[in-house]
Amino acid sequence: MSKTSVSPKNMTPYQVNVAGEAFAVVLFSQAGYDVAMQYGTTQPSWDMIATKGTRTLKLSVKGTQRGGWGLFQSHIEKADYHKAIEDWKEEQPIDSIYLFIQFNGIDLGSAPRCYLARPKEIAEHMHTTRAGRGYTSLREEYLYKKGVGKGYTDRIPNSWLVTLKRIDEI
């Protein structure tokens, strides 16, 4: 049986969002959580609530098939990436959690790579990107071939990789 890799042209942005949210439901259900989703573009700061016992997690689900997630573009002024990162962090509810779902290079029918982080962790990491200069997009793994970050590789921290332990401890 041959496998087919999902390329950036396979899914529309809408389909990426639907697939990401659907996979998030599967992931947290497998981890023993009860899940409630809200759909639409006018929702508050979360896409999904997951509960286990007395624990409640409010998750913002971000899917991509292009290698990264744009987070801070609307906050950038005068190329001040660090201020944009801090402004974004300050807007985030204290109890929010981001679930990043990566479909790039994933075989059809296979599970995407998933990462879980709080806004504070995201901001701390983003300040180190592009050789410490910051950037507007969180990238799973990206080598800068030119410009101020030339030779530097951004990588999502391994500690963000979704595991049962990460879900239960975040």
Protein backbone atom coordinates (compact mmCIF):
# COMPACT_ATOMS: atom_id res chain seq x y z
CA MET A 1 0.00 0.00 0.00
CA SER A 2 1.48 3.35 -0.99
CA LYS A 3 1.25 6.42 1.20
CA THR A 4 0.39 9.88 -0.04
CA SER A 5 2.02 12.86 1.62
CA VAL A 6 -0.22 15.83 2.29
CA SER A 7 1.19 18.86 0.49
CA PRO A 8 0.31 22.53 1.04
CA LYS A 9 -2.03 22.31 -1.96
CA ASN A 10 -4.11 19.42 -0.63
CA MET A 11 -6.20 21.36 1.92
CA THR A 12 -7.72 24.80 1.85
CA PRO A 13 -7.18 27.02 4.92
CA TYR A 14 -10.74 26.17 6.00
CA GLN A 15 -10.01 22.44 5.72
CA VAL A 16 -6.79 22.86 7.74
CA ASN A 17 -8.80 24.55 10.52
CA VAL A 18 -11.49 21.85 10.49
CA ALA A 19 -8.90 19.04 10.43
CA GLY A 20 -6.92 20.67 13.26
CA GLU A 21 -9.94 21.09 15.49
CA ALA A 22 -11.19 17.58 14.73
CA PHE A 23 -7.79 16.09 15.55
CA ALA A 24 -7.66 18.12 18.78
CA VAL A 25 -10.93 16.47 19.85
CA VAL A 26 -9.49 13.02 19.12
CA LEU A 27 -6.24 13.79 20.94
CA PHE A 28 -7.84 15.04 24.15
CA SER A 29 -10.51 12.34 24.10
CA GLN A 30 -7.75 9.72 23.90
CA ALA A 31 -6.12 11.42 26.90
CA GLY A 32 -9.30 10.86 28.93
CA TYR A 33 -10.75 14.37 28.69
CA ASP A 34 -14.33 15.35 27.96
CA VAL A 35 -14.34 17.87 25.12
CA ALA A 36 -16.61 20.70 24.01
CA MET A 37 -15.98 22.60 20.77
CA GLN A 38 -17.28 25.89 19.51
CA TYR A 39 -17.15 26.62 15.82
CA GLY A 40 -17.12 29.89 13.93
CA THR A 41 -14.99 32.97 13.58
CA THR A 42 -16.58 35.10 16.31
CA GLN A 43 -15.72 32.90 19.29
CA PRO A 44 -13.89 34.19 22.36
CA SER A 45 -10.26 33.29 23.13
CA TRP A 46 -10.70 29.51 22.94
CA ASP A 47 -11.81 26.90 20.38
CA MET A 48 -12.17 23.93 22.68
CA ILE A 49 -12.66 23.17 26.36
CA ALA A 50 -11.31 19.90 27.73
CA THR A 51 -12.20 18.67 31.21
CA LYS A 52 -10.93 15.78 33.31
CA GLY A 53 -12.25 15.56 36.85
CA THR A 54 -12.12 19.09 38.27
CA ARG A 55 -9.52 20.24 35.72
CA THR A 56 -10.63 22.48 32.83
CA LEU A 57 -8.39 23.50 29.92
CA LYS A 58 -9.29 26.29 27.47
CA LEU A 59 -7.50 25.63 24.21
CA SER A 60 -6.88 27.70 21.12
CA VAL A 61 -6.29 25.25 18.27
CA LYS A 62 -3.95 26.38 15.47
CA GLY A 63 -3.50 24.11 12.46
CA THR A 64 -1.08 24.57 9.59
CA GLN A 65 0.31 22.71 6.61
CA ARG A 66 3.00 25.27 5.83
CA GLY A 67 5.55 24.76 8.60
CA GLY A 68 4.58 27.59 10.94
CA TRP A 69 1.89 29.63 12.62
CA GLY A 70 1.52 33.40 12.27
CA LEU A 71 0.82 34.84 15.72
CA PHE A 72 2.10 38.40 16.04
CA GLN A 73 1.68 40.09 12.64
CA SER A 74 -1.08 42.40 13.81
CA HIS A 75 1.11 43.66 16.67
CA ILE A 76 4.23 44.60 14.72
CA GLU A 77 5.16 48.29 14.58
CA LYS A 78 8.44 49.74 13.30
CA ALA A 79 9.96 46.24 13.03
CA ASP A 80 9.94 45.89 16.85
CA TYR A 81 9.41 42.14 17.10
CA HIS A 82 10.02 41.95 20.86
CA LYS A 83 7.34 44.56 21.57
CA ALA A 84 4.93 42.72 19.24
CA ILE A 85 5.56 39.49 21.14
CA GLU A 86 4.97 41.18 24.52
CA ASP A 87 1.84 43.00 23.28
CA TRP A 88 0.44 39.67 22.05
CA LYS A 89 1.27 37.95 25.36
CA GLU A 90 -0.46 40.69 27.37
CA GLU A 91 -3.68 40.18 25.37
CA GLN A 92 -3.84 36.46 26.16
CA PRO A 93 -6.14 35.25 28.94
CA ILE A 94 -4.10 33.90 31.84
CA ASP A 95 -5.67 30.44 31.56
CA SER A 96 -5.29 29.98 27.79
CA ILE A 97 -3.34 27.15 26.19
CA TYR A 98 -2.33 26.87 22.54
CA LEU A 99 -2.40 23.57 20.66
CA PHE A 100 -0.35 23.78 17.46
CA ILE A 101 -1.09 21.08 14.88
CA GLN A 102 1.32 20.52 11.96
CA PHE A 103 0.10 18.76 8.80
CA ASN A 104 3.14 19.61 6.65
CA GLY A 105 4.79 16.44 5.32
CA ILE A 106 2.27 14.15 7.01
CA ASP A 107 1.15 11.05 5.12
CA LEU A 108 -2.55 10.81 4.35
CA GLY A 109 -4.22 9.01 7.26
CA SER A 110 -1.31 9.61 9.66
CA ALA A 111 -1.36 11.72 12.80
CA PRO A 112 -0.03 15.28 12.58
CA ARG A 113 2.70 16.55 14.89
CA CYS A 114 1.24 18.45 17.85
CA TYR A 115 2.64 20.93 20.35
CA LEU A 116 1.11 22.40 23.50
CA ALA A 117 2.18 25.68 25.14
CA ARG A 118 0.98 28.55 27.29
CA PRO A 119 1.33 32.15 26.04
CA LYS A 120 4.20 32.84 28.48
CA GLU A 121 6.18 29.88 27.08
CA ILE A 122 5.44 30.95 23.52
CA ALA A 123 6.60 34.52 24.18
CA GLU A 124 9.79 33.33 25.93
CA HIS A 125 10.62 31.09 22.97
CA MET A 126 9.74 33.73 20.36
CA HIS A 127 12.20 36.19 21.93
CA THR A 128 14.98 33.68 21.08
CA THR A 129 13.97 33.19 17.44
CA ARG A 130 15.91 34.56 14.49
CA ALA A 131 19.12 34.54 16.52
CA GLY A 132 17.48 36.45 19.39
CA ARG A 133 15.86 39.12 17.24
CA GLY A 134 12.34 37.70 17.40
CA TYR A 135 9.90 37.07 14.58
CA THR A 136 6.15 37.18 13.88
CA SER A 137 5.65 33.47 13.17
CA LEU A 138 6.24 30.41 15.30
CA ARG A 139 8.04 27.89 13.10
CA GLU A 140 8.35 24.19 13.76
CA GLU A 141 11.88 24.11 12.31
CA TYR A 142 13.37 26.77 10.06
CA LEU A 143 16.95 27.52 8.98
CA TYR A 144 17.61 31.16 8.09
CA LYS A 145 19.64 31.26 4.89
CA LYS A 146 20.03 35.03 4.71
CA GLY A 147 19.42 38.23 6.64
CA VAL A 148 20.02 38.90 10.33
CA GLY A 149 19.28 35.30 11.33
CA LYS A 150 21.54 33.70 8.69
CA GLY A 151 22.78 30.31 9.86
CA TYR A 152 20.39 30.18 12.84
CA THR A 153 17.69 27.50 13.12
CA ASP A 154 14.42 28.09 14.95
CA ARG A 155 12.90 24.94 16.51
CA ILE A 156 9.87 24.46 18.69
CA PRO A 157 11.04 23.24 22.11
CA ASN A 158 10.86 19.45 22.49
CA SER A 159 9.09 19.96 25.82
CA TRP A 160 6.04 21.25 23.92
CA LEU A 161 5.51 17.96 22.08
CA VAL A 162 2.13 16.56 23.05
CA THR A 163 2.29 13.59 25.39
CA LEU A 164 -0.16 12.44 28.04
CA LYS A 165 2.20 13.86 30.68
CA ARG A 166 2.37 17.25 28.90
CA ILE A 167 -1.44 17.40 28.60
CA ASP A 168 -1.96 16.50 32.25
CA GLU A 169 0.73 18.87 33.58
CA ILE A 170 0.32 22.00 31.47
